[in-house]
Every structure is written in structure tokens, then in C-alpha cells.
Amino acid sequence: MLTETQASPSAFLIHNKKNGDSFEFTESGVLNINTGTVNINAGTVNISGDLNVTGVSTANDHVSSGISGKGHVHSGITTGGDDTKVPK
């Protein structure tokens, strides 16, 4: 048997004995997924709350507060060592 399911006073755990992957639902409302890769195939993924990313975030474009990371422009460009102003 490759998987083990157990309920405990603090969590519900699904554990793959062969490779150590697991899904844990804690009493405090946390879902812990321990695996190499998670694939989500959906038309839309909605996240309500803060998103913390450790590592590299890859996308065609990152948009923050309506400003495209790929297509935004800067005003006040001058040659030399000056920094640009905020994007618009």
C-alpha cells in the first residue's frame, strides 16, 4: 500500500509512504502540501488573502496595481547615471 490516511486530534493526513509526499489538513484551518510539484489546471484561480512566494515567480507579465511589469513606461528619462522616476 502506497498511501496512508490517518485522523489525529490535530490534523487529517494523507501520506504517500513510497516518496514521503503528504496532504495535511490542520485543526487551525491550514492545508500543508508537501510534494515536488503542484499543477492546477483551471480557467481561473482566485486567491483571497496574502500570497507569499519564496523562489522565482514566472509569468508572461506581472501586473501590480494596474501597472504592467513588462509594458510600463517611465517619465523623466535622461542620459547618464540618473535613476528613472516611478512607472506610470
Protein backbone atom coordinates (compact mmCIF):
# COMPACT_ATOMS: atom_id res chain seq x y z
CA MET A 1 0.00 0.00 0.00
CA LEU A 2 1.49 3.33 -1.05
CA THR A 3 -0.79 5.70 0.81
CA GLU A 4 -1.76 6.05 4.41
CA THR A 5 -4.69 8.09 5.72
CA GLN A 6 -4.98 8.95 9.36
CA ALA A 7 -7.00 11.24 11.54
CA SER A 8 -5.45 12.65 14.67
CA PRO A 9 -6.59 15.12 17.32
CA SER A 10 -4.75 17.90 15.48
CA ALA A 11 -4.98 17.02 11.76
CA PHE A 12 -6.14 14.81 8.91
CA LEU A 13 -3.17 13.45 6.98
CA ILE A 14 -2.84 11.68 3.63
CA HIS A 15 0.70 10.35 3.28
CA ASN A 16 2.47 8.55 0.44
CA LYS A 17 4.76 6.07 2.16
CA LYS A 18 6.80 5.48 -1.01
CA ASN A 19 8.07 9.05 -1.58
CA GLY A 20 7.04 10.99 1.54
CA ASP A 21 4.52 13.31 -0.18
CA SER A 22 1.66 14.39 2.06
CA PHE A 23 -1.51 16.48 2.38
CA GLU A 24 -2.29 17.67 5.89
CA PHE A 25 -5.47 19.50 6.95
CA THR A 26 -4.88 21.01 10.39
CA GLU A 27 -7.46 21.92 13.02
CA SER A 28 -6.44 25.57 12.67
CA GLY A 29 -7.55 25.62 9.01
CA VAL A 30 -4.16 25.23 7.32
CA LEU A 31 -3.60 22.95 4.33
CA ASN A 32 0.01 21.77 4.09
CA ILE A 33 1.01 20.17 0.77
CA ASN A 34 4.43 18.55 0.77
CA THR A 35 5.40 17.38 -2.71
CA GLY A 36 7.74 18.18 -5.59
CA THR A 37 5.27 19.87 -7.97
CA VAL A 38 1.65 21.06 -7.76
CA ASN A 39 -0.24 21.51 -11.04
CA ILE A 40 -3.50 23.46 -11.08
CA ASN A 41 -5.43 23.35 -14.35
CA ALA A 42 -8.30 25.82 -14.23
CA GLY A 43 -9.70 28.70 -16.23
CA THR A 44 -9.35 30.98 -13.22
CA VAL A 45 -7.63 30.59 -9.86
CA ASN A 46 -8.82 33.02 -7.17
CA ILE A 47 -6.76 33.69 -4.07
CA SER A 48 -8.30 35.74 -1.27
CA GLY A 49 -5.60 36.83 1.12
CA ASP A 50 -1.89 37.43 1.05
CA LEU A 51 0.35 35.44 -1.28
CA ASN A 52 3.90 34.73 -0.13
CA VAL A 53 6.32 33.34 -2.71
CA THR A 54 9.78 32.00 -1.95
CA GLY A 55 11.64 31.44 -5.18
CA VAL A 56 11.05 32.69 -8.70
CA SER A 57 7.65 33.83 -9.96
CA THR A 58 7.31 33.34 -13.72
CA ALA A 59 4.57 34.80 -15.93
CA ASN A 60 4.10 36.49 -19.29
CA ASP A 61 3.53 39.72 -17.36
CA HIS A 62 3.16 40.68 -13.71
CA VAL A 63 0.58 43.41 -13.10
CA SER A 64 0.54 45.26 -9.79
CA SER A 65 -1.99 48.00 -9.02
CA GLY A 66 -2.85 48.10 -12.72
CA ILE A 67 0.78 48.67 -13.82
CA SER A 68 2.31 46.13 -16.20
CA GLY A 69 5.82 44.99 -15.27
CA LYS A 70 6.53 44.28 -18.94
CA GLY A 71 4.82 47.18 -20.71
CA HIS A 72 5.02 50.16 -18.36
CA VAL A 73 6.93 53.34 -19.21
CA HIS A 74 8.97 55.73 -17.08
CA SER A 75 8.89 59.51 -17.29
CA GLY A 76 11.80 61.88 -16.85
CA ILE A 77 14.42 59.78 -18.65
CA THR A 78 17.81 61.44 -19.01
CA THR A 79 21.11 60.08 -20.24
CA GLY A 80 23.78 59.43 -17.68
CA GLY A 81 23.67 57.84 -14.27
CA ASP A 82 20.26 59.18 -13.16
CA ASP A 83 17.58 56.78 -11.98
CA THR A 84 14.15 56.79 -13.59
CA LYS A 85 11.01 58.03 -11.89
CA VAL A 86 8.15 55.77 -10.82
CA PRO A 87 6.35 53.82 -13.56
CA LYS A 88 3.05 55.09 -14.94
